[in-house]
Amino acid sequence: MKPILSFRIRNGFEACRHFWGVILLGQLFLAVSGTAAAEQPGVKVALIDSGISPIAIDAAHIGKGWNYALPRRDTADVIGHGTALAGLILESAPDAVLVPLVYDTRTAGGKPVQSDLNTIVRIIRDAVDEYDCQVINLSAGVTRDVPALREAIAYAEQQGVVVVASVGNRQRTAPELTYYPAAYETVIGVGALRQDGRAASFSQRNGVTLAAPGEKLQVLGLRGESTTASGTSYAAAQVTGAVAAVLAAQPDLQPEQVRQLLYDSARDVEAAGFDPDTGYGAMQIDEALKLVRTEGYGGFKTGRAGLEGPL
């Protein structure tokens, strides 16, 4: 198995970018109902990543954003990670508007440029206040609970914004690590599933509340070509798409209600009920959309029972 590539930001903020290649995904794990897709009203999703390629993604789906890493540059993706996530989000929420908020890019000469943690905190708040997003997708994390980050996530929750984050890809080499913001109570922390539907060996076990496919997925490249990739960031993008689809079907839902819908409709994967490997289970967008339309549904649970680090 090929090694996972990780990119560490100078202040400890780590992007969960892990590309594998070889074979295409052999089966579809999730299916979106045709009626659900037709009802999307255009939920705004903040994609805090490397930008979006306007060649690969239709401009109608790209909202006005900002390049925080290189403010004099536009938000066009030159790395590919953000574009791949954008494509996955739009598969589940085809009418969503993606707002590219760039923290990770490269100069014209190819030199990596990545924003620090303080900028990430600013971006989260700007996604709420300046860009009026209803969902935030973040495929990066820091291995300590930083007050400023915690407060920014709490602010997003208070303002009715759902936050989705990947849990990290270093389970094989550093299983003790917990990444924030994925591990915060109000964040949907997403782990990756293998092609056989079990938890991926690279997917961190701390902070997981939901799981989605994350191994050898077909994703979009910068020019719209198909390529393969693996990692929890790709799993998180699919959950972000599901959140956008749920909000399109029922815009008045609060973040806690959205989370609970996804948890209640998930399919158990490992141990019965909640477990540290896959949280509440594998995300099932079609079941979540059925549940959101169920008259009288109100089984909103709170908290992450038993999730205090590795179990």
C-alpha atoms as a PDB file:
ATOM      1  CA  MET A   1       0.000   0.000   0.000  1.00  0.00           C
ATOM      2  CA  LYS A   2       1.355   3.393  -0.949  1.00  0.00           C
ATOM      3  CA  PRO A   3       2.248   5.839   1.823  1.00  0.00           C
ATOM      4  CA  ILE A   4      -0.122   8.628   2.739  1.00  0.00           C
ATOM      5  CA  LEU A   5       1.077  12.123   1.905  1.00  0.00           C
ATOM      6  CA  SER A   6       0.428  14.750   4.550  1.00  0.00           C
ATOM      7  CA  PHE A   7       1.210  18.451   4.518  1.00  0.00           C
ATOM      8  CA  ARG A   8       1.913  20.148   7.843  1.00  0.00           C
ATOM      9  CA  ILE A   9       1.314  23.858   8.239  1.00  0.00           C
ATOM     10  CA  ARG A  10       3.943  25.770  10.188  1.00  0.00           C
ATOM     11  CA  ASN A  11       1.760  26.285  13.273  1.00  0.00           C
ATOM     12  CA  GLY A  12       0.640  22.679  13.551  1.00  0.00           C
ATOM     13  CA  PHE A  13      -2.524  22.990  11.467  1.00  0.00           C
ATOM     14  CA  GLU A  14      -2.507  19.987   9.198  1.00  0.00           C
ATOM     15  CA  ALA A  15      -4.350  19.523   5.925  1.00  0.00           C
ATOM     16  CA  CYS A  16      -5.845  16.075   5.520  1.00  0.00           C
ATOM     17  CA  ARG A  17      -4.837  15.677   1.874  1.00  0.00           C
ATOM     18  CA  HIS A  18      -4.109  12.116   0.906  1.00  0.00           C
ATOM     19  CA  PHE A  19      -4.000  10.996  -2.699  1.00  0.00           C
ATOM     20  CA  TRP A  20      -3.772   7.384  -3.798  1.00  0.00           C
ATOM     21  CA  GLY A  21      -4.070   6.222  -7.341  1.00  0.00           C
ATOM     22  CA  VAL A  22      -4.399   2.915  -9.167  1.00  0.00           C
ATOM     23  CA  ILE A  23      -7.981   1.699  -9.644  1.00  0.00           C
ATOM     24  CA  LEU A  24     -11.327   3.420  -9.842  1.00  0.00           C
ATOM     25  CA  LEU A  25     -13.996   2.976  -7.214  1.00  0.00           C
ATOM     26  CA  GLY A  26     -15.800  -0.222  -8.140  1.00  0.00           C
ATOM     27  CA  GLN A  27     -19.185   0.474  -6.584  1.00  0.00           C
ATOM     28  CA  LEU A  28     -21.320   3.382  -5.450  1.00  0.00           C
ATOM     29  CA  PHE A  29     -21.765   3.479  -1.682  1.00  0.00           C
ATOM     30  CA  LEU A  30     -24.488   6.130  -1.654  1.00  0.00           C
ATOM     31  CA  ALA A  31     -27.336   7.110  -3.909  1.00  0.00           C
ATOM     32  CA  VAL A  32     -29.217  10.381  -4.000  1.00  0.00           C
ATOM     33  CA  SER A  33     -32.907  10.149  -4.858  1.00  0.00           C
ATOM     34  CA  GLY A  34     -33.960  12.022  -7.991  1.00  0.00           C
ATOM     35  CA  THR A  35     -36.670  13.868  -6.089  1.00  0.00           C
ATOM     36  CA  ALA A  36     -34.169  15.128  -3.545  1.00  0.00           C
ATOM     37  CA  ALA A  37     -31.900  16.526  -6.241  1.00  0.00           C
ATOM     38  CA  ALA A  38     -34.784  18.340  -7.854  1.00  0.00           C
ATOM     39  CA  GLU A  39     -35.661  20.170  -4.643  1.00  0.00           C
ATOM     40  CA  GLN A  40     -32.291  21.780  -3.976  1.00  0.00           C
ATOM     41  CA  PRO A  41     -32.711  25.575  -3.597  1.00  0.00           C
ATOM     42  CA  GLY A  42     -28.998  26.442  -3.589  1.00  0.00           C
ATOM     43  CA  VAL A  43     -27.540  26.115  -0.112  1.00  0.00           C
ATOM     44  CA  LYS A  44     -24.314  28.123   0.357  1.00  0.00           C
ATOM     45  CA  VAL A  45     -21.356  25.975   1.401  1.00  0.00           C
ATOM     46  CA  ALA A  46     -18.047  27.435   2.554  1.00  0.00           C
ATOM     47  CA  LEU A  47     -15.263  25.281   1.139  1.00  0.00           C
ATOM     48  CA  ILE A  48     -12.211  26.157   3.228  1.00  0.00           C
ATOM     49  CA  ASP A  49      -9.521  24.547   1.124  1.00  0.00           C
ATOM     50  CA  SER A  50      -7.317  25.145  -1.925  1.00  0.00           C
ATOM     51  CA  GLY A  51      -9.947  26.848  -4.081  1.00  0.00           C
ATOM     52  CA  ILE A  52     -12.081  25.576  -6.947  1.00  0.00           C
ATOM     53  CA  SER A  53     -11.135  25.138 -10.595  1.00  0.00           C
ATOM     54  CA  PRO A  54     -13.595  27.034 -12.827  1.00  0.00           C
ATOM     55  CA  ILE A  55     -12.626  24.634 -15.597  1.00  0.00           C
ATOM     56  CA  ALA A  56     -13.759  21.550 -13.687  1.00  0.00           C
ATOM     57  CA  ILE A  57     -16.729  23.106 -11.842  1.00  0.00           C
ATOM     58  CA  ASP A  58     -19.450  25.148 -13.567  1.00  0.00           C
ATOM     59  CA  ALA A  59     -19.195  28.816 -12.625  1.00  0.00           C
ATOM     60  CA  ALA A  60     -22.878  28.774 -11.654  1.00  0.00           C
ATOM     61  CA  HIS A  61     -21.915  26.685  -8.630  1.00  0.00           C
ATOM     62  CA  ILE A  62     -18.978  28.877  -7.536  1.00  0.00           C
ATOM     63  CA  GLY A  63     -19.832  31.801  -5.291  1.00  0.00           C
ATOM     64  CA  LYS A  64     -17.706  34.819  -4.522  1.00  0.00           C
ATOM     65  CA  GLY A  65     -14.926  33.871  -2.137  1.00  0.00           C
ATOM     66  CA  TRP A  66     -11.459  35.035  -1.121  1.00  0.00           C
ATOM     67  CA  ASN A  67      -7.876  33.864  -1.290  1.00  0.00           C
ATOM     68  CA  TYR A  68      -6.584  34.297   2.271  1.00  0.00           C
ATOM     69  CA  ALA A  69      -3.249  32.659   1.489  1.00  0.00           C
ATOM     70  CA  LEU A  70      -2.420  34.961  -1.448  1.00  0.00           C
ATOM     71  CA  PRO A  71      -4.852  37.905  -1.333  1.00  0.00           C
ATOM     72  CA  ARG A  72      -3.740  39.278  -4.700  1.00  0.00           C
ATOM     73  CA  ARG A  73      -4.719  36.027  -6.412  1.00  0.00           C
ATOM     74  CA  ASP A  74      -8.172  34.761  -7.281  1.00  0.00           C
ATOM     75  CA  THR A  75      -9.726  31.603  -5.812  1.00  0.00           C
ATOM     76  CA  ALA A  76      -8.910  29.290  -8.729  1.00  0.00           C
ATOM     77  CA  ASP A  77      -7.511  26.004  -7.483  1.00  0.00           C
ATOM     78  CA  VAL A  78      -3.912  25.216  -8.476  1.00  0.00           C
ATOM     79  CA  ILE A  79      -3.520  22.149  -6.252  1.00  0.00           C
ATOM     80  CA  GLY A  80      -6.595  20.058  -6.983  1.00  0.00           C
ATOM     81  CA  HIS A  81      -7.788  19.163  -3.502  1.00  0.00           C
ATOM     82  CA  GLY A  82     -10.549  21.748  -3.239  1.00  0.00           C
ATOM     83  CA  THR A  83     -11.815  20.949  -6.734  1.00  0.00           C
ATOM     84  CA  ALA A  84     -12.084  17.261  -5.895  1.00  0.00           C
ATOM     85  CA  LEU A  85     -14.098  18.082  -2.770  1.00  0.00           C
ATOM     86  CA  ALA A  86     -16.321  20.481  -4.715  1.00  0.00           C
ATOM     87  CA  GLY A  87     -17.224  17.753  -7.175  1.00  0.00           C
ATOM     88  CA  LEU A  88     -18.133  15.346  -4.373  1.00  0.00           C
ATOM     89  CA  ILE A  89     -20.299  17.937  -2.625  1.00  0.00           C
ATOM     90  CA  LEU A  90     -22.193  18.689  -5.829  1.00  0.00           C
ATOM     91  CA  GLU A  91     -22.897  15.017  -6.442  1.00  0.00           C
ATOM     92  CA  SER A  92     -25.226  15.076  -3.435  1.00  0.00           C
ATOM     93  CA  ALA A  93     -26.285  18.725  -3.616  1.00  0.00           C
ATOM     94  CA  PRO A  94     -26.283  19.606  -7.324  1.00  0.00           C
ATOM     95  CA  ASP A  95     -27.782  23.059  -6.778  1.00  0.00           C
ATOM     96  CA  ALA A  96     -25.455  24.109  -3.964  1.00  0.00           C
ATOM     97  CA  VAL A  97     -23.356  27.257  -4.270  1.00  0.00           C
ATOM     98  CA  LEU A  98     -19.778  26.651  -3.155  1.00  0.00           C
ATOM     99  CA  VAL A  99     -17.871  29.567  -1.667  1.00  0.00           C
ATOM    100  CA  PRO A 100     -14.096  29.027  -2.102  1.00  0.00           C
ATOM    101  CA  LEU A 101     -12.185  30.355   0.915  1.00  0.00           C
ATOM    102  CA  VAL A 102      -8.558  29.577   0.143  1.00  0.00           C
ATOM    103  CA  TYR A 103      -6.069  28.849   2.902  1.00  0.00           C
ATOM    104  CA  ASP A 104      -3.781  26.528   0.925  1.00  0.00           C
ATOM    105  CA  THR A 105      -2.279  27.287  -2.489  1.00  0.00           C
ATOM    106  CA  ARG A 106       0.964  27.691  -4.428  1.00  0.00           C
ATOM    107  CA  THR A 107       2.791  30.623  -5.959  1.00  0.00           C
ATOM    108  CA  ALA A 108       3.294  30.872  -9.709  1.00  0.00           C
ATOM    109  CA  GLY A 109       6.680  29.283  -9.101  1.00  0.00           C
ATOM    110  CA  GLY A 110       5.155  26.318  -7.293  1.00  0.00           C
ATOM    111  CA  LYS A 111       6.039  27.299  -3.727  1.00  0.00           C
ATOM    112  CA  PRO A 112       3.437  26.113  -1.177  1.00  0.00           C
ATOM    113  CA  VAL A 113       1.649  28.883   0.732  1.00  0.00           C
ATOM    114  CA  GLN A 114      -0.570  27.940   3.660  1.00  0.00           C
ATOM    115  CA  SER A 115      -2.412  30.148   6.124  1.00  0.00           C
ATOM    116  CA  ASP A 116      -1.790  29.938   9.860  1.00  0.00           C
ATOM    117  CA  LEU A 117      -4.287  28.963  12.545  1.00  0.00           C
ATOM    118  CA  ASN A 118      -5.311  32.542  13.274  1.00  0.00           C
ATOM    119  CA  THR A 119      -6.284  32.942   9.640  1.00  0.00           C
ATOM    120  CA  ILE A 120      -8.261  29.690   9.692  1.00  0.00           C
ATOM    121  CA  VAL A 121     -10.208  31.060  12.665  1.00  0.00           C
ATOM    122  CA  ARG A 122     -10.865  34.274  10.746  1.00  0.00           C
ATOM    123  CA  ILE A 123     -12.026  32.295   7.710  1.00  0.00           C
ATOM    124  CA  ILE A 124     -14.554  30.339   9.786  1.00  0.00           C
ATOM    125  CA  ARG A 125     -16.015  33.562  11.163  1.00  0.00           C
ATOM    126  CA  ASP A 126     -16.011  35.201   7.722  1.00  0.00           C
ATOM    127  CA  ALA A 127     -17.858  32.202   6.277  1.00  0.00           C
ATOM    128  CA  VAL A 128     -20.655  33.019   8.715  1.00  0.00           C
ATOM    129  CA  ASP A 129     -20.619  36.827   8.745  1.00  0.00           C
ATOM    130  CA  GLU A 130     -19.262  37.888   5.365  1.00  0.00           C
ATOM    131  CA  TYR A 131     -20.365  35.082   3.063  1.00  0.00           C
ATOM    132  CA  ASP A 132     -23.609  34.032   4.753  1.00  0.00           C
ATOM    133  CA  CYS A 133     -22.880  30.319   4.389  1.00  0.00           C
ATOM    134  CA  GLN A 134     -25.157  27.666   5.881  1.00  0.00           C
ATOM    135  CA  VAL A 135     -22.538  24.916   5.861  1.00  0.00           C
ATOM    136  CA  ILE A 136     -18.768  24.919   6.411  1.00  0.00           C
ATOM    137  CA  ASN A 137     -16.486  22.169   5.094  1.00  0.00           C
ATOM    138  CA  LEU A 138     -12.982  21.999   6.556  1.00  0.00           C
ATOM    139  CA  SER A 139     -10.506  19.226   5.745  1.00  0.00           C
ATOM    140  CA  ALA A 140      -7.798  20.330   8.141  1.00  0.00           C
ATOM    141  CA  GLY A 141      -7.176  20.177  11.838  1.00  0.00           C
ATOM    142  CA  VAL A 142      -4.913  20.977  14.751  1.00  0.00           C
ATOM    143  CA  THR A 143      -3.973  18.407  17.375  1.00  0.00           C
ATOM    144  CA  ARG A 144      -4.824  20.588  20.351  1.00  0.00           C
ATOM    145  CA  ASP A 145      -7.907  22.334  21.614  1.00  0.00           C
ATOM    146  CA  VAL A 146      -7.220  25.998  20.813  1.00  0.00           C
ATOM    147  CA  PRO A 147      -9.630  28.462  22.475  1.00  0.00           C
ATOM    148  CA  ALA A 148      -9.889  30.747  19.433  1.00  0.00           C
ATOM    149  CA  LEU A 149     -10.769  27.817  17.186  1.00  0.00           C
ATOM    150  CA  ARG A 150     -13.248  26.438  19.707  1.00  0.00           C
ATOM    151  CA  GLU A 151     -14.915  29.833  19.990  1.00  0.00           C
ATOM    152  CA  ALA A 152     -15.165  30.237  16.213  1.00  0.00           C
ATOM    153  CA  ILE A 153     -16.838  26.837  15.921  1.00  0.00           C
ATOM    154  CA  ALA A 154     -19.208  27.711  18.768  1.00  0.00           C
ATOM    155  CA  TYR A 155     -20.039  30.974  17.006  1.00  0.00           C
ATOM    156  CA  ALA A 156     -20.911  29.130  13.796  1.00  0.00           C
ATOM    157  CA  GLU A 157     -23.246  26.864  15.769  1.00  0.00           C
ATOM    158  CA  GLN A 158     -24.921  29.825  17.438  1.00  0.00           C
ATOM    159  CA  GLN A 159     -25.523  31.414  14.046  1.00  0.00           C
ATOM    160  CA  GLY A 160     -27.142  28.255  12.678  1.00  0.00           C
ATOM    161  CA  VAL A 161     -24.226  27.068  10.528  1.00  0.00           C
ATOM    162  CA  VAL A 162     -23.430  23.355  10.267  1.00  0.00           C
ATOM    163  CA  VAL A 163     -19.705  22.515  10.400  1.00  0.00           C
ATOM    164  CA  VAL A 164     -18.298  19.330   8.843  1.00  0.00           C
ATOM    165  CA  ALA A 165     -14.633  18.358   9.316  1.00  0.00           C
ATOM    166  CA  SER A 166     -12.445  15.379   8.524  1.00  0.00           C
ATOM    167  CA  VAL A 167     -10.919  13.500  11.462  1.00  0.00           C
ATOM    168  CA  GLY A 168      -7.468  12.927   9.955  1.00  0.00           C
ATOM    169  CA  ASN A 169      -5.493  10.212   8.192  1.00  0.00           C
ATOM    170  CA  ARG A 170      -2.711   9.196  10.583  1.00  0.00           C
ATOM    171  CA  GLN A 171      -4.308   6.282  12.412  1.00  0.00           C
ATOM    172  CA  ARG A 172      -1.606   3.855  11.302  1.00  0.00           C
ATOM    173  CA  THR A 173       1.314   5.935  12.540  1.00  0.00           C
ATOM    174  CA  ALA A 174      -0.227   8.141  15.248  1.00  0.00           C
ATOM    175  CA  PRO A 175      -3.475   6.578  16.535  1.00  0.00           C
ATOM    176  CA  GLU A 176      -3.362   8.712  19.681  1.00  0.00           C
ATOM    177  CA  LEU A 177      -3.954  11.952  17.797  1.00  0.00           C
ATOM    178  CA  THR A 178      -7.227  13.854  18.002  1.00  0.00           C
ATOM    179  CA  TYR A 179      -7.852  16.589  15.466  1.00  0.00           C
ATOM    180  CA  TYR A 180      -9.834  19.756  16.068  1.00  0.00           C
ATOM    181  CA  PRO A 181     -12.295  21.046  14.950  1.00  0.00           C
ATOM    182  CA  ALA A 182     -13.527  17.538  14.028  1.00  0.00           C
ATOM    183  CA  ALA A 183     -13.548  16.498  17.697  1.00  0.00           C
ATOM    184  CA  TYR A 184     -15.651  19.418  18.913  1.00  0.00           C
ATOM    185  CA  GLU A 185     -19.121  18.532  20.139  1.00  0.00           C
ATOM    186  CA  THR A 186     -20.978  20.572  17.523  1.00  0.00           C
ATOM    187  CA  VAL A 187     -18.918  19.446  14.530  1.00  0.00           C
ATOM    188  CA  ILE A 188     -19.715  16.421  12.372  1.00  0.00           C
ATOM    189  CA  GLY A 189     -16.391  14.603  12.540  1.00  0.00           C
ATOM    190  CA  VAL A 190     -16.110  12.335   9.501  1.00  0.00           C
ATOM    191  CA  GLY A 191     -14.081   9.166   9.171  1.00  0.00           C
ATOM    192  CA  ALA A 192     -13.358   7.212   5.984  1.00  0.00           C
ATOM    193  CA  LEU A 193     -14.694   3.827   4.898  1.00  0.00           C
ATOM    194  CA  ARG A 194     -12.901   1.276   2.751  1.00  0.00           C
ATOM    195  CA  GLN A 195     -14.432  -0.052  -0.444  1.00  0.00           C
ATOM    196  CA  ASP A 196     -15.853  -3.000   1.509  1.00  0.00           C
ATOM    197  CA  GLY A 197     -17.690  -0.601   3.820  1.00  0.00           C
ATOM    198  CA  ARG A 198     -15.487  -1.031   6.902  1.00  0.00           C
ATOM    199  CA  ALA A 199     -13.434   1.680   8.589  1.00  0.00           C
ATOM    200  CA  ALA A 200     -10.296   2.571   6.595  1.00  0.00           C
ATOM    201  CA  SER A 201      -7.032   1.733   8.343  1.00  0.00           C
ATOM    202  CA  PHE A 202      -5.685   5.275   7.862  1.00  0.00           C
ATOM    203  CA  SER A 203      -8.801   6.983   9.265  1.00  0.00           C
ATOM    204  CA  GLN A 204      -8.353   8.475  12.734  1.00  0.00           C
ATOM    205  CA  ARG A 205     -10.562   6.882  15.427  1.00  0.00           C
ATOM    206  CA  ASN A 206     -10.826   9.947  17.657  1.00  0.00           C
ATOM    207  CA  GLY A 207     -13.603  12.458  17.060  1.00  0.00           C
ATOM    208  CA  VAL A 208     -15.601  10.352  14.587  1.00  0.00           C
ATOM    209  CA  THR A 209     -19.378  10.784  14.616  1.00  0.00           C
ATOM    210  CA  LEU A 210     -20.136   9.710  11.035  1.00  0.00           C
ATOM    211  CA  ALA A 211     -18.388   7.797   8.262  1.00  0.00           C
ATOM    212  CA  ALA A 212     -18.491   7.896   4.461  1.00  0.00           C
ATOM    213  CA  PRO A 213     -16.533   6.338   1.581  1.00  0.00           C
ATOM    214  CA  GLY A 214     -12.940   7.481   1.537  1.00  0.00           C
ATOM    215  CA  GLU A 215     -10.883   4.889  -0.329  1.00  0.00           C
ATOM    216  CA  LYS A 216     -10.030   4.978  -4.042  1.00  0.00           C
ATOM    217  CA  LEU A 217     -12.806   7.366  -4.973  1.00  0.00           C
ATOM    218  CA  GLN A 218     -13.324   8.830  -8.411  1.00  0.00           C
ATOM    219  CA  VAL A 219     -12.919  12.607  -8.121  1.00  0.00           C
ATOM    220  CA  LEU A 220     -12.521  15.573 -10.445  1.00  0.00           C
ATOM    221  CA  GLY A 221      -9.120  16.885 -11.420  1.00  0.00           C
ATOM    222  CA  LEU A 222      -8.260  20.513 -12.162  1.00  0.00           C
ATOM    223  CA  ARG A 223      -9.316  20.247 -15.805  1.00  0.00           C
ATOM    224  CA  GLY A 224     -12.392  18.145 -15.116  1.00  0.00           C
ATOM    225  CA  GLU A 225     -10.678  14.839 -15.739  1.00  0.00           C
ATOM    226  CA  SER A 226     -11.370  11.829 -13.521  1.00  0.00           C
ATOM    227  CA  THR A 227      -8.751  10.688 -11.033  1.00  0.00           C
ATOM    228  CA  THR A 228      -8.668   8.565  -7.887  1.00  0.00           C
ATOM    229  CA  ALA A 229      -8.094   9.699  -4.326  1.00  0.00           C
ATOM    230  CA  SER A 230      -8.373   8.447  -0.745  1.00  0.00           C
ATOM    231  CA  GLY A 231      -8.652  10.203   2.611  1.00  0.00           C
ATOM    232  CA  THR A 232     -11.044  11.454   5.256  1.00  0.00           C
ATOM    233  CA  SER A 233     -11.312  14.818   3.516  1.00  0.00           C
ATOM    234  CA  TYR A 234     -13.155  13.147   0.635  1.00  0.00           C
ATOM    235  CA  ALA A 235     -15.443  11.384   3.070  1.00  0.00           C
ATOM    236  CA  ALA A 236     -16.179  14.699   4.775  1.00  0.00           C
ATOM    237  CA  ALA A 237     -17.063  16.323   1.441  1.00  0.00           C
ATOM    238  CA  GLN A 238     -19.738  13.698   0.855  1.00  0.00           C
ATOM    239  CA  VAL A 239     -21.221  14.391   4.283  1.00  0.00           C
ATOM    240  CA  THR A 240     -21.143  18.111   3.513  1.00  0.00           C
ATOM    241  CA  GLY A 241     -23.130  17.377   0.366  1.00  0.00           C
ATOM    242  CA  ALA A 242     -25.653  15.439   2.436  1.00  0.00           C
ATOM    243  CA  VAL A 243     -25.977  18.336   4.891  1.00  0.00           C
ATOM    244  CA  ALA A 244     -26.633  20.720   1.995  1.00  0.00           C
ATOM    245  CA  ALA A 245     -29.247  18.338   0.579  1.00  0.00           C
ATOM    246  CA  VAL A 246     -31.014  18.082   3.943  1.00  0.00           C
ATOM    247  CA  LEU A 247     -31.037  21.869   4.342  1.00  0.00           C
ATOM    248  CA  ALA A 248     -32.348  22.265   0.817  1.00  0.00           C
ATOM    249  CA  ALA A 249     -35.248  19.978   1.709  1.00  0.00           C
ATOM    250  CA  GLN A 250     -35.854  21.641   5.096  1.00  0.00           C
ATOM    251  CA  PRO A 251     -34.129  25.043   5.394  1.00  0.00           C
ATOM    252  CA  ASP A 252     -35.421  25.769   8.898  1.00  0.00           C
ATOM    253  CA  LEU A 253     -33.505  22.961  10.593  1.00  0.00           C
ATOM    254  CA  GLN A 254     -30.978  23.961  13.238  1.00  0.00           C
ATOM    255  CA  PRO A 255     -27.447  22.468  13.204  1.00  0.00           C
ATOM    256  CA  GLU A 256     -28.242  20.053  16.034  1.00  0.00           C
ATOM    257  CA  GLN A 257     -31.271  18.777  14.130  1.00  0.00           C
ATOM    258  CA  VAL A 258     -29.268  18.291  10.937  1.00  0.00           C
ATOM    259  CA  ARG A 259     -26.630  16.332  12.823  1.00  0.00           C
ATOM    260  CA  GLN A 260     -29.230  14.174  14.499  1.00  0.00           C
ATOM    261  CA  LEU A 261     -30.977  13.387  11.227  1.00  0.00           C
ATOM    262  CA  LEU A 262     -27.707  12.150   9.775  1.00  0.00           C
ATOM    263  CA  TYR A 263     -26.859  10.163  12.908  1.00  0.00           C
ATOM    264  CA  ASP A 264     -30.317   8.590  13.173  1.00  0.00           C
ATOM    265  CA  SER A 265     -30.366   7.606   9.505  1.00  0.00           C
ATOM    266  CA  ALA A 266     -26.809   6.201   9.435  1.00  0.00           C
ATOM    267  CA  ARG A 267     -26.199   2.489   8.913  1.00  0.00           C
ATOM    268  CA  ASP A 268     -24.315   0.645  11.638  1.00  0.00           C
ATOM    269  CA  VAL A 269     -20.918  -0.515  10.435  1.00  0.00           C
ATOM    270  CA  GLU A 270     -18.792  -1.773  13.311  1.00  0.00           C
ATOM    271  CA  ALA A 271     -20.182  -2.445  16.801  1.00  0.00           C
ATOM    272  CA  ALA A 272     -23.915  -1.945  17.303  1.00  0.00           C
ATOM    273  CA  GLY A 273     -24.731   1.677  18.079  1.00  0.00           C
ATOM    274  CA  PHE A 274     -22.067   4.328  18.483  1.00  0.00           C
ATOM    275  CA  ASP A 275     -18.437   3.214  18.173  1.00  0.00           C
ATOM    276  CA  PRO A 276     -15.126   5.099  17.894  1.00  0.00           C
ATOM    277  CA  ASP A 277     -14.258   3.666  14.455  1.00  0.00           C
ATOM    278  CA  THR A 278     -17.280   4.937  12.525  1.00  0.00           C
ATOM    279  CA  GLY A 279     -19.315   6.947  15.059  1.00  0.00           C
ATOM    280  CA  TYR A 280     -23.037   6.457  14.458  1.00  0.00           C
ATOM    281  CA  GLY A 281     -22.258   4.600  11.235  1.00  0.00           C
ATOM    282  CA  ALA A 282     -22.133   5.052   7.475  1.00  0.00           C
ATOM    283  CA  MET A 283     -23.957   8.101   6.176  1.00  0.00           C
ATOM    284  CA  GLN A 284     -27.106   7.285   4.185  1.00  0.00           C
ATOM    285  CA  ILE A 285     -28.264  10.422   2.414  1.00  0.00           C
ATOM    286  CA  ASP A 286     -31.395   8.854   0.950  1.00  0.00           C
ATOM    287  CA  GLU A 287     -32.527   7.674   4.395  1.00  0.00           C
ATOM    288  CA  ALA A 288     -31.776  11.099   5.889  1.00  0.00           C
ATOM    289  CA  LEU A 289     -33.929  12.781   3.250  1.00  0.00           C
ATOM    290  CA  LYS A 290     -36.768  10.345   3.950  1.00  0.00           C
ATOM    291  CA  LEU A 291     -36.471  11.075   7.647  1.00  0.00           C
ATOM    292  CA  VAL A 292     -36.507  14.850   7.212  1.00  0.00           C
ATOM    293  CA  ARG A 293     -39.861  14.493   5.457  1.00  0.00           C
ATOM    294  CA  THR A 294     -41.315  12.194   8.117  1.00  0.00           C
ATOM    295  CA  GLU A 295     -44.157  13.934   9.909  1.00  0.00           C
ATOM    296  CA  GLY A 296     -43.624  14.046  13.639  1.00  0.00           C
ATOM    297  CA  TYR A 297     -39.938  13.112  13.560  1.00  0.00           C
ATOM    298  CA  GLY A 298     -38.383  14.583  16.678  1.00  0.00           C
ATOM    299  CA  GLY A 299     -35.902  12.080  18.059  1.00  0.00           C
ATOM    300  CA  PHE A 300     -33.128  14.580  18.523  1.00  0.00           C
ATOM    301  CA  LYS A 301     -30.471  13.194  20.817  1.00  0.00           C
ATOM    302  CA  THR A 302     -27.702  15.359  22.219  1.00  0.00           C
ATOM    303  CA  GLY A 303     -24.041  14.819  22.924  1.00  0.00           C
ATOM    304  CA  ARG A 304     -21.523  12.192  21.912  1.00  0.00           C
ATOM    305  CA  ALA A 305     -22.103   9.424  24.409  1.00  0.00           C
ATOM    306  CA  GLY A 306     -18.878   7.825  25.513  1.00  0.00           C
ATOM    307  CA  LEU A 307     -16.595   9.668  23.128  1.00  0.00           C
ATOM    308  CA  GLU A 308     -13.756  10.809  25.371  1.00  0.00           C
ATOM    309  CA  GLY A 309     -10.766   9.929  23.240  1.00  0.00           C
ATOM    310  CA  PRO A 310     -10.068   6.307  22.201  1.00  0.00           C
ATOM    311  CA  LEU A 311     -12.534   3.765  23.585  1.00  0.00           C
END
